[in-house]
Amino acid sequence: MPTGPARVELQVVHGTLDRRVPTVAPAVPFEQAESATEGVAYGLKPLPLTW
């Protein structure tokens, strides 16, 4: 989980996205989302969304 400024930025983005596009949802099951595990940062590669 991000810490410091990155965590705050993600919280703001998530809240804004929820307000502006309340129907946004992943277009694929989470289990099918491709992980990015190379380098020093971990997370998801592009996650298809639907709204």
Protein backbone atom coordinates (compact mmCIF):
# COMPACT_ATOMS: atom_id res chain seq x y z
CA MET A 1 0.00 0.00 0.00
CA PRO A 2 1.34 3.46 -0.85
CA THR A 3 2.48 5.75 1.90
CA GLY A 4 2.75 9.49 2.30
CA PRO A 5 1.75 11.76 -0.60
CA ALA A 6 0.99 8.84 -2.94
CA ARG A 7 -1.61 7.48 -0.52
CA VAL A 8 -3.31 10.88 -0.26
CA GLU A 9 -3.35 11.27 -4.05
CA LEU A 10 -4.94 7.85 -4.50
CA GLN A 11 -7.60 8.64 -1.90
CA VAL A 12 -8.47 11.89 -3.70
CA VAL A 13 -8.58 10.21 -7.11
CA HIS A 14 -10.76 7.37 -5.82
CA GLY A 15 -13.21 9.74 -4.14
CA THR A 16 -13.39 12.01 -7.19
CA LEU A 17 -13.92 9.08 -9.55
CA ASP A 18 -16.70 7.72 -7.33
CA ARG A 19 -18.49 11.08 -7.42
CA ARG A 20 -18.04 11.81 -11.13
CA VAL A 21 -18.57 8.28 -12.51
CA PRO A 22 -20.51 6.37 -9.85
CA THR A 23 -21.07 3.37 -12.14
CA VAL A 24 -17.38 2.72 -12.82
CA ALA A 25 -16.43 -0.93 -12.28
CA PRO A 26 -13.72 -3.37 -13.38
CA ALA A 27 -14.50 -4.91 -16.78
CA VAL A 28 -12.75 -8.17 -15.87
CA PRO A 29 -12.76 -10.24 -12.66
CA PHE A 30 -10.01 -9.17 -10.28
CA GLU A 31 -8.39 -12.60 -10.62
CA GLN A 32 -7.83 -11.89 -14.32
CA ALA A 33 -6.15 -8.53 -13.73
CA GLU A 34 -2.47 -8.70 -14.66
CA SER A 35 0.01 -7.84 -11.90
CA ALA A 36 3.04 -5.65 -12.38
CA THR A 37 5.76 -7.14 -10.19
CA GLU A 38 8.94 -5.92 -11.85
CA GLY A 39 11.01 -3.06 -10.50
CA VAL A 40 10.51 -1.44 -7.12
CA ALA A 41 6.79 -0.66 -7.44
CA TYR A 42 4.10 -3.33 -7.44
CA GLY A 43 0.51 -3.05 -8.54
CA LEU A 44 -1.73 -3.74 -11.49
CA LYS A 45 -1.01 -3.28 -15.14
CA PRO A 46 -3.82 -1.46 -16.96
CA LEU A 47 -7.16 -2.53 -15.56
CA PRO A 48 -10.06 -2.37 -18.05
CA LEU A 49 -13.01 -0.45 -16.64
CA THR A 50 -16.64 -0.11 -17.62
CA TRP A 51 -19.14 2.59 -16.69
